[in-house]
């Protein structure tokens, strides 16, 4: 089963990085991760660009999308409409998962 993870974010760059690393350390890796940026001022695109190769090495696609308005609901819907996996999981940008979360 391919898991797509959608993460809306708004000006919480450090939290987002920690969340992404917790996904990278999963025993069952997600198929893809879609980060939806709700902010005009954060450095989310730069974070995604810096981490993209680490995810690619583990066969996880990491995508960036810019949301036109600051809305968690709209960001989740945007992300869900772009997924290609069998199952869509929604995470907040400050969530840290146990390494076996998706496996179990």
Protein backbone atom coordinates (compact mmCIF):
# COMPACT_ATOMS: atom_id res chain seq x y z
CA UNK A 1 0.00 0.00 0.00
CA UNK A 2 1.38 3.39 -1.03
CA UNK A 3 1.00 6.11 1.61
CA UNK A 4 0.80 9.76 0.61
CA UNK A 5 1.42 12.28 3.40
CA UNK A 6 0.05 15.83 3.20
CA UNK A 7 1.58 18.47 5.50
CA UNK A 8 0.22 22.04 5.57
CA UNK A 9 2.67 24.50 7.10
CA UNK A 10 2.73 28.16 8.11
CA UNK A 11 5.94 29.85 9.35
CA UNK A 12 7.17 26.88 11.39
CA UNK A 13 10.27 25.95 9.46
CA UNK A 14 12.11 24.16 12.30
CA UNK A 15 9.02 22.15 13.23
CA UNK A 16 8.57 21.19 9.58
CA UNK A 17 12.18 20.00 9.29
CA UNK A 18 11.77 17.83 12.39
CA UNK A 19 8.51 16.41 11.04
CA UNK A 20 10.14 15.58 7.71
CA UNK A 21 13.07 13.86 9.43
CA UNK A 22 10.63 11.75 11.46
CA UNK A 23 9.09 10.65 8.14
CA UNK A 24 12.50 9.93 6.68
CA UNK A 25 13.22 7.63 9.64
CA UNK A 26 10.09 5.50 9.23
CA UNK A 27 10.57 1.73 8.97
CA UNK A 28 7.81 1.75 6.32
CA UNK A 29 8.50 4.79 4.19
CA UNK A 30 5.69 6.85 2.71
CA UNK A 31 5.38 6.75 -1.07
CA UNK A 32 5.27 10.55 -1.29
CA UNK A 33 5.15 13.64 0.92
CA UNK A 34 3.38 16.81 -0.17
CA UNK A 35 4.21 19.98 1.76
CA UNK A 36 1.69 22.79 1.31
CA UNK A 37 3.07 26.23 2.21
CA UNK A 38 0.44 28.63 3.55
CA UNK A 39 2.95 31.41 4.24
CA UNK A 40 4.43 34.20 2.17
CA UNK A 41 7.55 34.59 4.32
CA UNK A 42 8.79 31.16 5.37
CA UNK A 43 11.66 29.28 3.80
CA UNK A 44 9.72 26.10 3.07
CA UNK A 45 10.81 25.85 -0.58
CA UNK A 46 14.47 26.06 0.47
CA UNK A 47 13.95 23.34 3.10
CA UNK A 48 12.33 21.07 0.51
CA UNK A 49 15.14 21.70 -1.98
CA UNK A 50 17.78 20.92 0.68
CA UNK A 51 16.13 17.65 1.74
CA UNK A 52 14.92 16.42 -1.64
CA UNK A 53 17.97 14.24 -2.37
CA UNK A 54 17.84 12.55 1.04
CA UNK A 55 14.25 11.53 0.39
CA UNK A 56 14.99 10.52 -3.20
CA UNK A 57 17.78 8.20 -1.96
CA UNK A 58 15.14 6.37 0.09
CA UNK A 59 12.63 6.26 -2.81
CA UNK A 60 10.31 8.84 -1.27
CA UNK A 61 9.02 11.65 -3.47
CA UNK A 62 8.98 15.05 -1.76
CA UNK A 63 6.80 17.77 -3.31
CA UNK A 64 6.27 21.46 -2.58
CA UNK A 65 3.10 23.42 -3.30
CA UNK A 66 2.28 27.04 -2.53
CA UNK A 67 -1.22 27.72 -1.27
CA UNK A 68 -2.80 31.00 -2.35
CA UNK A 69 -4.46 31.60 1.05
CA UNK A 70 -3.63 30.72 4.65
CA UNK A 71 -6.11 27.94 5.31
CA UNK A 72 -5.32 24.52 6.74
CA UNK A 73 -8.50 23.06 5.23
CA UNK A 74 -7.75 24.43 1.76
CA UNK A 75 -4.14 23.22 2.05
CA UNK A 76 -5.29 19.70 2.97
CA UNK A 77 -7.72 19.64 0.05
CA UNK A 78 -5.05 20.92 -2.33
CA UNK A 79 -2.62 18.27 -1.13
CA UNK A 80 -5.21 15.49 -1.31
CA UNK A 81 -6.05 16.45 -4.90
CA UNK A 82 -2.38 16.04 -5.91
CA UNK A 83 -1.67 12.67 -4.25
CA UNK A 84 -0.98 9.47 -6.17
CA UNK A 85 -0.91 6.98 -3.30
CA UNK A 86 -3.51 4.48 -2.11
CA UNK A 87 -3.94 6.07 1.32
CA UNK A 88 -3.74 9.77 2.26
CA UNK A 89 -2.40 10.70 5.69
CA UNK A 90 -2.60 14.26 6.99
CA UNK A 91 0.03 15.55 9.42
CA UNK A 92 0.48 18.90 11.10
CA UNK A 93 3.96 20.36 10.64
CA UNK A 94 4.85 19.89 14.33
CA UNK A 95 4.12 16.15 14.48
CA UNK A 96 6.96 13.76 15.28
CA UNK A 97 6.17 10.12 14.51
CA UNK A 98 7.57 7.02 16.17
CA UNK A 99 9.82 5.23 13.65
CA UNK A 100 7.38 2.34 13.21
CA UNK A 101 4.20 4.44 12.98
CA UNK A 102 3.25 3.55 9.39
CA UNK A 103 4.50 -0.02 9.63
CA UNK A 104 2.22 -0.77 12.56
